[in-house]
Amino acid sequence: MKHYDVFGVGNALVDILVMTDDMFIKNLGWNKGIMTLVDSETQGNVLTALADKKKELRSGGSAANTMIALANSGGTGTYTGKVSEDTYGEFYKKDMEAAGILFEVQPVKEGHTGTCVILTTPDAERTMLTHLGISSTLQKSDIDLERLKASKFSYVEGYLWDGPSTKDACLLTMEESKKSGVKVAFTYSDPFCVNRSREDFIRLTKDYCDVVFCNADEAKALANTNSKEDAIKFISSLCPNVFMTDSENGAFVGETGSIRHVSGFPAEKLLDTTGAGDCFSAGVLYGLTHGYSLERSAKWGNYVASRIVQEIGPRLVVRLLGRQDEILGAA
């Protein structure tokens, strides 16, 4: 059995990337800059309205973006998500494996592979319209326990907490990780996930997590405070290692209650914020699985995130494998 740095679990979604403008989003009545769950008919109507726009496809989903960026840094991983035996499902598997991540979940014949239309405006904000499709049927039997046990970390996305079967898959992954000595990393994913499941997220953080990833808004939602400093202190009282991103201000690291700031890297040309948090998590996970300190791991996470916001979509074009010492220095 091959060993892996990270065993990722999340929604398997094909991202459909489209550049548009504020007026288009306003005319459709969507809230700019957030993710909204929609049905297939609604998403189809949006795509029809975008018929004359150039579109790009990527295998995606929040945790999948992290796994792909992990491989780009030189890490190894296997990913668990649900797809259908349709064109998008075939594309997803091929695209994930071309990016360096093992994806061997058995596809299903019924239903459609999940898709996410990502509308990016000139200010680099992205508005996501997500149809989960068959991804929402991920269940415990899809979790390969042998591959999980052969990994250093499991990494679970908070978006999975919205459905009963995906919730069960989350819990199984975390429970089996703890039994096997595999460290558990959990990302809160989005403030709306935190607001809907705040008490559950607090319990998961306290009972299972070795590492938590969040941004300042998610942290404040969990801690029920307007202070980002108080928020990370609260989460750090629940979990030994916390990484909180703070946009262009870099990130904060919480280690058993001790809070440190780690400066970021300037982005020369801000094009698209899609996947910035996911890529930060990837950089940190690479560091943690390769002997880096918490601060150096966060520094590498900041760098990977600074590169993705200069690309369109959540996939890095530049290869980062082997460049850590060059970029961060040997210290």
C-alpha atoms as a PDB file:
ATOM      1  CA  MET A   1       0.000   0.000   0.000  1.00  0.00           C
ATOM      2  CA  LYS A   2       1.381   3.363  -1.011  1.00  0.00           C
ATOM      3  CA  HIS A   3       1.615   5.996   1.725  1.00  0.00           C
ATOM      4  CA  TYR A   4       0.128   9.482   1.310  1.00  0.00           C
ATOM      5  CA  ASP A   5       0.619  12.865   2.891  1.00  0.00           C
ATOM      6  CA  VAL A   6      -3.100  13.703   2.898  1.00  0.00           C
ATOM      7  CA  PHE A   7      -6.375  11.781   2.562  1.00  0.00           C
ATOM      8  CA  GLY A   8      -8.886  14.365   1.316  1.00  0.00           C
ATOM      9  CA  VAL A   9     -12.684  14.123   1.533  1.00  0.00           C
ATOM     10  CA  GLY A  10     -15.114  16.591  -0.012  1.00  0.00           C
ATOM     11  CA  ASN A  11     -17.619  17.410  -2.711  1.00  0.00           C
ATOM     12  CA  ALA A  12     -16.556  16.419  -6.219  1.00  0.00           C
ATOM     13  CA  LEU A  13     -17.653  19.287  -8.457  1.00  0.00           C
ATOM     14  CA  VAL A  14     -16.689  20.274 -11.966  1.00  0.00           C
ATOM     15  CA  ASP A  15     -15.992  24.004 -11.907  1.00  0.00           C
ATOM     16  CA  ILE A  16     -17.278  25.999 -14.884  1.00  0.00           C
ATOM     17  CA  LEU A  17     -15.272  29.214 -14.926  1.00  0.00           C
ATOM     18  CA  VAL A  18     -16.719  32.302 -16.592  1.00  0.00           C
ATOM     19  CA  MET A  19     -15.583  35.942 -16.601  1.00  0.00           C
ATOM     20  CA  THR A  20     -18.504  38.355 -16.325  1.00  0.00           C
ATOM     21  CA  ASP A  21     -19.457  41.714 -14.787  1.00  0.00           C
ATOM     22  CA  ASP A  22     -21.376  43.107 -11.819  1.00  0.00           C
ATOM     23  CA  MET A  23     -24.446  43.963 -13.901  1.00  0.00           C
ATOM     24  CA  PHE A  24     -24.892  40.355 -15.036  1.00  0.00           C
ATOM     25  CA  ILE A  25     -24.891  39.125 -11.436  1.00  0.00           C
ATOM     26  CA  LYS A  26     -27.190  41.940 -10.318  1.00  0.00           C
ATOM     27  CA  ASN A  27     -29.660  41.250 -13.127  1.00  0.00           C
ATOM     28  CA  LEU A  28     -29.847  37.600 -12.095  1.00  0.00           C
ATOM     29  CA  GLY A  29     -30.481  38.625  -8.491  1.00  0.00           C
ATOM     30  CA  TRP A  30     -27.556  36.748  -6.920  1.00  0.00           C
ATOM     31  CA  ASN A  31     -25.512  37.932  -3.959  1.00  0.00           C
ATOM     32  CA  LYS A  32     -22.066  38.786  -5.227  1.00  0.00           C
ATOM     33  CA  GLY A  33     -19.012  37.170  -3.678  1.00  0.00           C
ATOM     34  CA  ILE A  34     -20.630  34.171  -1.985  1.00  0.00           C
ATOM     35  CA  MET A  35     -21.550  30.577  -2.769  1.00  0.00           C
ATOM     36  CA  THR A  36     -25.230  29.781  -3.334  1.00  0.00           C
ATOM     37  CA  LEU A  37     -26.714  26.294  -3.671  1.00  0.00           C
ATOM     38  CA  VAL A  38     -29.028  26.056  -6.680  1.00  0.00           C
ATOM     39  CA  ASP A  39     -30.984  23.323  -8.477  1.00  0.00           C
ATOM     40  CA  SER A  40     -30.048  22.013 -11.906  1.00  0.00           C
ATOM     41  CA  GLU A  41     -32.761  24.032 -13.679  1.00  0.00           C
ATOM     42  CA  THR A  42     -31.596  27.311 -12.166  1.00  0.00           C
ATOM     43  CA  GLN A  43     -27.979  26.577 -12.991  1.00  0.00           C
ATOM     44  CA  GLY A  44     -28.981  25.604 -16.524  1.00  0.00           C
ATOM     45  CA  ASN A  45     -30.741  28.941 -16.991  1.00  0.00           C
ATOM     46  CA  VAL A  46     -27.601  30.779 -15.870  1.00  0.00           C
ATOM     47  CA  LEU A  47     -25.464  28.809 -18.331  1.00  0.00           C
ATOM     48  CA  THR A  48     -27.938  29.595 -21.099  1.00  0.00           C
ATOM     49  CA  ALA A  49     -27.581  33.301 -20.307  1.00  0.00           C
ATOM     50  CA  LEU A  50     -23.803  32.826 -20.550  1.00  0.00           C
ATOM     51  CA  ALA A  51     -23.954  30.988 -23.880  1.00  0.00           C
ATOM     52  CA  ASP A  52     -21.769  33.551 -25.672  1.00  0.00           C
ATOM     53  CA  LYS A  53     -19.102  33.626 -22.909  1.00  0.00           C
ATOM     54  CA  LYS A  54     -15.877  31.611 -22.905  1.00  0.00           C
ATOM     55  CA  LYS A  55     -15.931  28.820 -20.317  1.00  0.00           C
ATOM     56  CA  GLU A  56     -13.173  26.699 -18.787  1.00  0.00           C
ATOM     57  CA  LEU A  57     -13.609  23.406 -16.926  1.00  0.00           C
ATOM     58  CA  ARG A  58     -11.662  22.252 -13.874  1.00  0.00           C
ATOM     59  CA  SER A  59     -12.084  19.386 -11.427  1.00  0.00           C
ATOM     60  CA  GLY A  60     -12.975  21.156  -8.229  1.00  0.00           C
ATOM     61  CA  GLY A  61     -14.725  21.393  -4.929  1.00  0.00           C
ATOM     62  CA  SER A  62     -13.010  23.121  -2.021  1.00  0.00           C
ATOM     63  CA  ALA A  63     -11.048  20.164  -0.628  1.00  0.00           C
ATOM     64  CA  ALA A  64     -10.216  18.986  -4.156  1.00  0.00           C
ATOM     65  CA  ASN A  65      -8.641  22.377  -4.889  1.00  0.00           C
ATOM     66  CA  THR A  66      -6.517  21.920  -1.770  1.00  0.00           C
ATOM     67  CA  MET A  67      -5.410  18.449  -2.816  1.00  0.00           C
ATOM     68  CA  ILE A  68      -4.416  19.610  -6.299  1.00  0.00           C
ATOM     69  CA  ALA A  69      -2.393  22.513  -4.900  1.00  0.00           C
ATOM     70  CA  LEU A  70      -0.788  20.093  -2.429  1.00  0.00           C
ATOM     71  CA  ALA A  71       0.416  17.963  -5.357  1.00  0.00           C
ATOM     72  CA  ASN A  72       1.680  21.101  -7.093  1.00  0.00           C
ATOM     73  CA  SER A  73       3.876  21.799  -4.054  1.00  0.00           C
ATOM     74  CA  GLY A  74       5.246  18.252  -4.173  1.00  0.00           C
ATOM     75  CA  GLY A  75       2.914  16.501  -1.718  1.00  0.00           C
ATOM     76  CA  THR A  76       1.072  13.231  -2.246  1.00  0.00           C
ATOM     77  CA  GLY A  77      -2.614  12.625  -1.780  1.00  0.00           C
ATOM     78  CA  THR A  78      -5.727  10.627  -2.484  1.00  0.00           C
ATOM     79  CA  TYR A  79      -9.186  12.187  -2.772  1.00  0.00           C
ATOM     80  CA  THR A  80     -12.664  10.875  -2.002  1.00  0.00           C
ATOM     81  CA  GLY A  81     -15.706  12.449  -3.653  1.00  0.00           C
ATOM     82  CA  LYS A  82     -18.759  11.183  -5.539  1.00  0.00           C
ATOM     83  CA  VAL A  83     -19.272  11.471  -9.303  1.00  0.00           C
ATOM     84  CA  SER A  84     -21.639   9.943 -11.838  1.00  0.00           C
ATOM     85  CA  GLU A  85     -20.928   7.870 -14.947  1.00  0.00           C
ATOM     86  CA  ASP A  86     -21.454  10.894 -17.167  1.00  0.00           C
ATOM     87  CA  THR A  87     -19.192  13.151 -19.227  1.00  0.00           C
ATOM     88  CA  TYR A  88     -18.431  15.437 -16.286  1.00  0.00           C
ATOM     89  CA  GLY A  89     -17.639  12.423 -14.082  1.00  0.00           C
ATOM     90  CA  GLU A  90     -15.157  11.049 -16.602  1.00  0.00           C
ATOM     91  CA  PHE A  91     -13.575  14.481 -16.942  1.00  0.00           C
ATOM     92  CA  TYR A  92     -13.299  14.818 -13.161  1.00  0.00           C
ATOM     93  CA  LYS A  93     -11.367  11.583 -12.655  1.00  0.00           C
ATOM     94  CA  LYS A  94      -8.968  12.231 -15.541  1.00  0.00           C
ATOM     95  CA  ASP A  95      -8.354  15.829 -14.503  1.00  0.00           C
ATOM     96  CA  MET A  96      -7.696  14.951 -10.849  1.00  0.00           C
ATOM     97  CA  GLU A  97      -5.241  12.214 -11.728  1.00  0.00           C
ATOM     98  CA  ALA A  98      -3.519  14.402 -14.323  1.00  0.00           C
ATOM     99  CA  ALA A  99      -2.977  16.882 -11.492  1.00  0.00           C
ATOM    100  CA  GLY A 100      -1.282  14.197  -9.407  1.00  0.00           C
ATOM    101  CA  ILE A 101      -4.058  13.116  -7.019  1.00  0.00           C
ATOM    102  CA  LEU A 102      -5.401   9.552  -6.854  1.00  0.00           C
ATOM    103  CA  PHE A 103      -9.180   9.442  -7.383  1.00  0.00           C
ATOM    104  CA  GLU A 104     -10.708   5.958  -7.337  1.00  0.00           C
ATOM    105  CA  VAL A 105     -14.219   6.339  -5.923  1.00  0.00           C
ATOM    106  CA  GLN A 106     -16.692   4.112  -7.769  1.00  0.00           C
ATOM    107  CA  PRO A 107     -18.953   6.303  -9.973  1.00  0.00           C
ATOM    108  CA  VAL A 108     -22.725   5.775  -9.900  1.00  0.00           C
ATOM    109  CA  LYS A 109     -25.027   5.334 -12.875  1.00  0.00           C
ATOM    110  CA  GLU A 110     -27.878   7.489 -11.575  1.00  0.00           C
ATOM    111  CA  GLY A 111     -27.898  11.270 -11.382  1.00  0.00           C
ATOM    112  CA  HIS A 112     -25.438  13.881 -12.565  1.00  0.00           C
ATOM    113  CA  THR A 113     -21.970  14.900 -11.460  1.00  0.00           C
ATOM    114  CA  GLY A 114     -22.069  18.091  -9.400  1.00  0.00           C
ATOM    115  CA  THR A 115     -21.116  21.375 -11.028  1.00  0.00           C
ATOM    116  CA  CYS A 116     -20.243  24.859  -9.821  1.00  0.00           C
ATOM    117  CA  VAL A 117     -20.581  27.907 -12.066  1.00  0.00           C
ATOM    118  CA  ILE A 118     -17.946  30.393 -10.910  1.00  0.00           C
ATOM    119  CA  LEU A 119     -18.645  33.936 -12.042  1.00  0.00           C
ATOM    120  CA  THR A 120     -15.572  36.146 -11.721  1.00  0.00           C
ATOM    121  CA  THR A 121     -15.909  39.924 -12.004  1.00  0.00           C
ATOM    122  CA  PRO A 122     -13.150  42.439 -12.902  1.00  0.00           C
ATOM    123  CA  ASP A 123     -12.489  43.164  -9.195  1.00  0.00           C
ATOM    124  CA  ALA A 124     -11.430  39.498  -8.769  1.00  0.00           C
ATOM    125  CA  GLU A 125     -14.501  38.597  -6.666  1.00  0.00           C
ATOM    126  CA  ARG A 126     -16.094  35.253  -7.434  1.00  0.00           C
ATOM    127  CA  THR A 127     -19.757  34.363  -7.132  1.00  0.00           C
ATOM    128  CA  MET A 128     -20.437  30.625  -7.073  1.00  0.00           C
ATOM    129  CA  LEU A 129     -23.673  28.911  -8.076  1.00  0.00           C
ATOM    130  CA  THR A 130     -23.377  25.286  -7.015  1.00  0.00           C
ATOM    131  CA  HIS A 131     -25.503  22.292  -7.965  1.00  0.00           C
ATOM    132  CA  LEU A 132     -24.229  19.459  -5.770  1.00  0.00           C
ATOM    133  CA  GLY A 133     -25.700  16.703  -7.935  1.00  0.00           C
ATOM    134  CA  ILE A 134     -24.515  13.217  -7.034  1.00  0.00           C
ATOM    135  CA  SER A 135     -21.738  14.592  -4.787  1.00  0.00           C
ATOM    136  CA  SER A 136     -24.289  14.966  -1.988  1.00  0.00           C
ATOM    137  CA  THR A 137     -24.727  11.162  -1.850  1.00  0.00           C
ATOM    138  CA  LEU A 138     -21.194  10.487  -0.600  1.00  0.00           C
ATOM    139  CA  GLN A 139     -21.464   7.942   2.208  1.00  0.00           C
ATOM    140  CA  LYS A 140     -19.440   5.961   4.719  1.00  0.00           C
ATOM    141  CA  SER A 141     -18.907   3.033   2.345  1.00  0.00           C
ATOM    142  CA  ASP A 142     -17.052   5.379  -0.047  1.00  0.00           C
ATOM    143  CA  ILE A 143     -14.284   5.975   2.521  1.00  0.00           C
ATOM    144  CA  ASP A 144     -11.296   3.721   1.795  1.00  0.00           C
ATOM    145  CA  LEU A 145     -10.108   2.985   5.318  1.00  0.00           C
ATOM    146  CA  GLU A 146      -6.873   1.331   4.210  1.00  0.00           C
ATOM    147  CA  ARG A 147      -5.802   4.431   2.260  1.00  0.00           C
ATOM    148  CA  LEU A 148      -6.894   6.602   5.175  1.00  0.00           C
ATOM    149  CA  LYS A 149      -4.686   4.615   7.561  1.00  0.00           C
ATOM    150  CA  ALA A 150      -1.792   4.945   5.101  1.00  0.00           C
ATOM    151  CA  SER A 151      -1.944   8.760   5.280  1.00  0.00           C
ATOM    152  CA  LYS A 152      -0.351  11.303   7.625  1.00  0.00           C
ATOM    153  CA  PHE A 153      -3.387  13.624   7.632  1.00  0.00           C
ATOM    154  CA  SER A 154      -7.056  13.443   6.779  1.00  0.00           C
ATOM    155  CA  TYR A 155      -8.553  16.668   5.452  1.00  0.00           C
ATOM    156  CA  VAL A 156     -12.318  17.239   5.550  1.00  0.00           C
ATOM    157  CA  GLU A 157     -14.307  20.205   4.235  1.00  0.00           C
ATOM    158  CA  GLY A 158     -17.120  21.819   6.206  1.00  0.00           C
ATOM    159  CA  TYR A 159     -19.388  21.882   3.155  1.00  0.00           C
ATOM    160  CA  LEU A 160     -19.978  18.147   3.714  1.00  0.00           C
ATOM    161  CA  TRP A 161     -21.854  18.860   6.949  1.00  0.00           C
ATOM    162  CA  ASP A 162     -25.000  19.812   5.004  1.00  0.00           C
ATOM    163  CA  GLY A 163     -26.264  16.293   4.213  1.00  0.00           C
ATOM    164  CA  PRO A 164     -26.931  13.233   6.417  1.00  0.00           C
ATOM    165  CA  SER A 165     -24.844  10.741   4.403  1.00  0.00           C
ATOM    166  CA  THR A 166     -21.970  13.172   3.813  1.00  0.00           C
ATOM    167  CA  LYS A 167     -22.046  14.059   7.523  1.00  0.00           C
ATOM    168  CA  ASP A 168     -21.695  10.355   8.351  1.00  0.00           C
ATOM    169  CA  ALA A 169     -18.733  10.120   5.957  1.00  0.00           C
ATOM    170  CA  CYS A 170     -17.102  13.075   7.766  1.00  0.00           C
ATOM    171  CA  LEU A 171     -17.527  11.485  11.177  1.00  0.00           C
ATOM    172  CA  LEU A 172     -16.239   8.110  10.018  1.00  0.00           C
ATOM    173  CA  THR A 173     -13.152   9.741   8.529  1.00  0.00           C
ATOM    174  CA  MET A 174     -12.439  11.661  11.723  1.00  0.00           C
ATOM    175  CA  GLU A 175     -13.132   8.743  14.056  1.00  0.00           C
ATOM    176  CA  GLU A 176     -11.012   6.269  12.086  1.00  0.00           C
ATOM    177  CA  SER A 177      -8.239   8.843  11.803  1.00  0.00           C
ATOM    178  CA  LYS A 178      -8.090   9.210  15.577  1.00  0.00           C
ATOM    179  CA  LYS A 179      -8.065   5.431  16.054  1.00  0.00           C
ATOM    180  CA  SER A 180      -5.202   5.024  13.577  1.00  0.00           C
ATOM    181  CA  GLY A 181      -3.019   7.929  14.663  1.00  0.00           C
ATOM    182  CA  VAL A 182      -3.793   9.940  11.525  1.00  0.00           C
ATOM    183  CA  LYS A 183      -4.007  13.665  12.265  1.00  0.00           C
ATOM    184  CA  VAL A 184      -7.339  15.340  11.475  1.00  0.00           C
ATOM    185  CA  ALA A 185      -7.490  18.649   9.603  1.00  0.00           C
ATOM    186  CA  PHE A 186     -10.866  20.363   9.137  1.00  0.00           C
ATOM    187  CA  THR A 187     -11.774  23.481   7.179  1.00  0.00           C
ATOM    188  CA  TYR A 188     -14.871  25.477   8.117  1.00  0.00           C
ATOM    189  CA  SER A 189     -15.353  26.260   4.393  1.00  0.00           C
ATOM    190  CA  ASP A 190     -17.743  29.231   4.579  1.00  0.00           C
ATOM    191  CA  PRO A 191     -19.448  31.454   7.176  1.00  0.00           C
ATOM    192  CA  PHE A 192     -22.851  30.108   6.166  1.00  0.00           C
ATOM    193  CA  CYS A 193     -21.651  26.564   7.031  1.00  0.00           C
ATOM    194  CA  VAL A 194     -20.543  27.807  10.446  1.00  0.00           C
ATOM    195  CA  ASN A 195     -23.763  29.711  11.091  1.00  0.00           C
ATOM    196  CA  ARG A 196     -25.902  26.702  10.198  1.00  0.00           C
ATOM    197  CA  SER A 197     -23.919  24.186  12.244  1.00  0.00           C
ATOM    198  CA  ARG A 198     -22.102  26.246  14.855  1.00  0.00           C
ATOM    199  CA  GLU A 199     -22.567  23.888  17.812  1.00  0.00           C
ATOM    200  CA  ASP A 200     -21.622  20.864  15.714  1.00  0.00           C
ATOM    201  CA  PHE A 201     -18.489  22.604  14.432  1.00  0.00           C
ATOM    202  CA  ILE A 202     -17.464  23.507  17.983  1.00  0.00           C
ATOM    203  CA  ARG A 203     -17.890  19.881  19.022  1.00  0.00           C
ATOM    204  CA  LEU A 204     -15.964  18.540  16.025  1.00  0.00           C
ATOM    205  CA  THR A 205     -13.171  21.028  16.621  1.00  0.00           C
ATOM    206  CA  LYS A 206     -12.852  20.032  20.266  1.00  0.00           C
ATOM    207  CA  ASP A 207     -13.320  16.267  19.952  1.00  0.00           C
ATOM    208  CA  TYR A 208     -11.495  15.405  16.722  1.00  0.00           C
ATOM    209  CA  CYS A 209      -9.386  18.149  15.196  1.00  0.00           C
ATOM    210  CA  ASP A 210      -5.614  18.429  15.322  1.00  0.00           C
ATOM    211  CA  VAL A 211      -5.646  21.296  12.804  1.00  0.00           C
ATOM    212  CA  VAL A 212      -8.374  23.780  11.875  1.00  0.00           C
ATOM    213  CA  PHE A 213      -8.407  26.080   8.844  1.00  0.00           C
ATOM    214  CA  CYS A 214     -10.650  29.141   8.678  1.00  0.00           C
ATOM    215  CA  ASN A 215     -10.752  32.723   7.508  1.00  0.00           C
ATOM    216  CA  ALA A 216     -11.463  35.651   9.815  1.00  0.00           C
ATOM    217  CA  ASP A 217     -15.201  35.739   8.988  1.00  0.00           C
ATOM    218  CA  GLU A 218     -15.623  32.017   9.670  1.00  0.00           C
ATOM    219  CA  ALA A 219     -13.680  32.313  12.909  1.00  0.00           C
ATOM    220  CA  LYS A 220     -15.800  35.231  14.105  1.00  0.00           C
ATOM    221  CA  ALA A 221     -18.982  33.315  13.251  1.00  0.00           C
ATOM    222  CA  LEU A 222     -17.851  30.285  15.255  1.00  0.00           C
ATOM    223  CA  ALA A 223     -16.728  32.349  18.249  1.00  0.00           C
ATOM    224  CA  ASN A 224     -19.774  34.640  18.034  1.00  0.00           C
ATOM    225  CA  THR A 225     -17.634  37.770  18.192  1.00  0.00           C
ATOM    226  CA  ASN A 226     -16.720  40.739  16.002  1.00  0.00           C
ATOM    227  CA  SER A 227     -13.067  40.513  17.027  1.00  0.00           C
ATOM    228  CA  LYS A 228     -10.818  38.322  14.907  1.00  0.00           C
ATOM    229  CA  GLU A 229      -8.269  38.237  17.735  1.00  0.00           C
ATOM    230  CA  ASP A 230     -10.854  36.943  20.201  1.00  0.00           C
ATOM    231  CA  ALA A 231     -12.114  34.520  17.554  1.00  0.00           C
ATOM    232  CA  ILE A 232      -8.817  32.750  16.981  1.00  0.00           C
ATOM    233  CA  LYS A 233      -8.174  32.652  20.729  1.00  0.00           C
ATOM    234  CA  PHE A 234     -11.533  30.911  21.169  1.00  0.00           C
ATOM    235  CA  ILE A 235     -10.817  28.325  18.471  1.00  0.00           C
ATOM    236  CA  SER A 236      -7.294  27.831  19.808  1.00  0.00           C
ATOM    237  CA  SER A 237      -8.843  26.895  23.158  1.00  0.00           C
ATOM    238  CA  LEU A 238     -10.619  24.025  21.371  1.00  0.00           C
ATOM    239  CA  CYS A 239      -7.957  22.789  18.961  1.00  0.00           C
ATOM    240  CA  PRO A 240      -4.156  22.643  19.364  1.00  0.00           C
ATOM    241  CA  ASN A 241      -3.322  24.116  15.941  1.00  0.00           C
ATOM    242  CA  VAL A 242      -5.380  26.805  14.188  1.00  0.00           C
ATOM    243  CA  PHE A 243      -4.598  28.613  10.934  1.00  0.00           C
ATOM    244  CA  MET A 244      -6.742  31.692  10.256  1.00  0.00           C
ATOM    245  CA  THR A 245      -6.305  33.616   7.013  1.00  0.00           C
ATOM    246  CA  ASP A 246      -6.843  37.364   6.994  1.00  0.00           C
ATOM    247  CA  SER A 247      -6.855  38.304   3.302  1.00  0.00           C
ATOM    248  CA  GLU A 248      -3.934  40.568   2.310  1.00  0.00           C
ATOM    249  CA  ASN A 249      -2.850  40.729   5.973  1.00  0.00           C
ATOM    250  CA  GLY A 250      -1.465  37.198   5.810  1.00  0.00           C
ATOM    251  CA  ALA A 251      -2.456  34.659   8.442  1.00  0.00           C
ATOM    252  CA  PHE A 252      -2.567  33.961  12.160  1.00  0.00           C
ATOM    253  CA  VAL A 253      -1.338  30.779  13.776  1.00  0.00           C
ATOM    254  CA  GLY A 254      -2.803  29.547  17.042  1.00  0.00           C
ATOM    255  CA  GLU A 255      -0.810  26.927  18.937  1.00  0.00           C
ATOM    256  CA  THR A 256      -2.384  25.765  22.215  1.00  0.00           C
ATOM    257  CA  GLY A 257      -3.543  29.307  22.918  1.00  0.00           C
ATOM    258  CA  SER A 258      -0.423  31.155  21.739  1.00  0.00           C
ATOM    259  CA  ILE A 259      -1.280  33.415  18.766  1.00  0.00           C
ATOM    260  CA  ARG A 260       1.284  34.584  16.169  1.00  0.00           C
ATOM    261  CA  HIS A 261       0.923  36.591  12.988  1.00  0.00           C
ATOM    262  CA  VAL A 262       2.593  35.398   9.770  1.00  0.00           C
ATOM    263  CA  SER A 263       2.953  38.044   7.069  1.00  0.00           C
ATOM    264  CA  GLY A 264       1.736  37.420   3.543  1.00  0.00           C
ATOM    265  CA  PHE A 265       3.173  37.943   0.080  1.00  0.00           C
ATOM    266  CA  PRO A 266       2.042  40.796  -2.197  1.00  0.00           C
ATOM    267  CA  ALA A 267       0.107  39.849  -5.313  1.00  0.00           C
ATOM    268  CA  GLU A 268       1.381  41.825  -8.282  1.00  0.00           C
ATOM    269  CA  LYS A 269      -1.846  41.387 -10.223  1.00  0.00           C
ATOM    270  CA  LEU A 270      -5.076  40.399  -8.435  1.00  0.00           C
ATOM    271  CA  LEU A 271      -7.256  38.534 -10.942  1.00  0.00           C
ATOM    272  CA  ASP A 272      -9.441  36.045  -9.094  1.00  0.00           C
ATOM    273  CA  THR A 273      -9.784  35.073  -5.428  1.00  0.00           C
ATOM    274  CA  THR A 274     -11.210  31.619  -6.269  1.00  0.00           C
ATOM    275  CA  GLY A 275      -9.390  28.967  -4.278  1.00  0.00           C
ATOM    276  CA  ALA A 276      -7.204  31.315  -2.205  1.00  0.00           C
ATOM    277  CA  GLY A 277      -8.189  29.722   1.096  1.00  0.00           C
ATOM    278  CA  ASP A 278      -7.977  26.246  -0.404  1.00  0.00           C
ATOM    279  CA  CYS A 279      -4.446  26.906  -1.636  1.00  0.00           C
ATOM    280  CA  PHE A 280      -3.421  28.320   1.728  1.00  0.00           C
ATOM    281  CA  SER A 281      -4.532  25.048   3.331  1.00  0.00           C
ATOM    282  CA  ALA A 282      -2.555  23.127   0.704  1.00  0.00           C
ATOM    283  CA  GLY A 283       0.631  25.018   1.495  1.00  0.00           C
ATOM    284  CA  VAL A 284       0.199  24.488   5.224  1.00  0.00           C
ATOM    285  CA  LEU A 285      -0.518  20.775   4.813  1.00  0.00           C
ATOM    286  CA  TYR A 286       2.556  20.415   2.628  1.00  0.00           C
ATOM    287  CA  GLY A 287       4.623  22.063   5.354  1.00  0.00           C
ATOM    288  CA  LEU A 288       3.149  20.021   8.199  1.00  0.00           C
ATOM    289  CA  THR A 289       3.770  16.746   6.343  1.00  0.00           C
ATOM    290  CA  HIS A 290       7.339  17.722   5.450  1.00  0.00           C
ATOM    291  CA  GLY A 291       8.676  18.729   8.848  1.00  0.00           C
ATOM    292  CA  TYR A 292       8.085  22.503   8.715  1.00  0.00           C
ATOM    293  CA  SER A 293       7.302  24.559  11.799  1.00  0.00           C
ATOM    294  CA  LEU A 294       3.803  26.005  12.098  1.00  0.00           C
ATOM    295  CA  GLU A 295       5.047  29.457  11.069  1.00  0.00           C
ATOM    296  CA  ARG A 296       6.995  28.191   8.050  1.00  0.00           C
ATOM    297  CA  SER A 297       3.995  26.083   7.021  1.00  0.00           C
ATOM    298  CA  ALA A 298       1.771  29.175   7.226  1.00  0.00           C
ATOM    299  CA  LYS A 299       4.347  31.172   5.284  1.00  0.00           C
ATOM    300  CA  TRP A 300       4.299  28.614   2.478  1.00  0.00           C
ATOM    301  CA  GLY A 301       0.501  28.641   2.611  1.00  0.00           C
ATOM    302  CA  ASN A 302       0.534  32.414   2.234  1.00  0.00           C
ATOM    303  CA  TYR A 303       2.811  32.138  -0.785  1.00  0.00           C
ATOM    304  CA  VAL A 304       0.683  29.505  -2.541  1.00  0.00           C
ATOM    305  CA  ALA A 305      -2.419  31.634  -1.898  1.00  0.00           C
ATOM    306  CA  SER A 306      -0.660  34.738  -3.250  1.00  0.00           C
ATOM    307  CA  ARG A 307       0.024  32.890  -6.496  1.00  0.00           C
ATOM    308  CA  ILE A 308      -3.495  31.556  -7.046  1.00  0.00           C
ATOM    309  CA  VAL A 309      -5.113  35.014  -6.852  1.00  0.00           C
ATOM    310  CA  GLN A 310      -2.993  35.946  -9.876  1.00  0.00           C
ATOM    311  CA  GLU A 311      -4.620  33.159 -11.938  1.00  0.00           C
ATOM    312  CA  ILE A 312      -8.126  32.752 -13.324  1.00  0.00           C
ATOM    313  CA  GLY A 313      -9.693  29.825 -11.512  1.00  0.00           C
ATOM    314  CA  PRO A 314      -8.464  27.647  -8.629  1.00  0.00           C
ATOM    315  CA  ARG A 315      -5.618  25.895 -10.509  1.00  0.00           C
ATOM    316  CA  LEU A 316      -2.010  27.051 -10.412  1.00  0.00           C
ATOM    317  CA  VAL A 317      -0.217  27.299 -13.738  1.00  0.00           C
ATOM    318  CA  VAL A 318       3.240  27.771 -12.203  1.00  0.00           C
ATOM    319  CA  ARG A 319       4.882  24.664 -10.717  1.00  0.00           C
ATOM    320  CA  LEU A 320       6.007  25.086  -7.104  1.00  0.00           C
ATOM    321  CA  LEU A 321       7.592  21.684  -6.520  1.00  0.00           C
ATOM    322  CA  GLY A 322      11.096  22.084  -5.104  1.00  0.00           C
ATOM    323  CA  ARG A 323      10.948  25.885  -4.824  1.00  0.00           C
ATOM    324  CA  GLN A 324      10.271  26.141  -1.093  1.00  0.00           C
ATOM    325  CA  ASP A 325      13.821  26.952   0.011  1.00  0.00           C
ATOM    326  CA  GLU A 326      14.281  29.370  -2.883  1.00  0.00           C
ATOM    327  CA  ILE A 327      11.132  31.289  -1.930  1.00  0.00           C
ATOM    328  CA  LEU A 328      11.148  30.997   1.855  1.00  0.00           C
ATOM    329  CA  GLY A 329      14.874  30.752   2.482  1.00  0.00           C
ATOM    330  CA  ALA A 330      16.589  27.879   4.200  1.00  0.00           C
ATOM    331  CA  ALA A 331      15.851  29.063   7.738  1.00  0.00           C
END
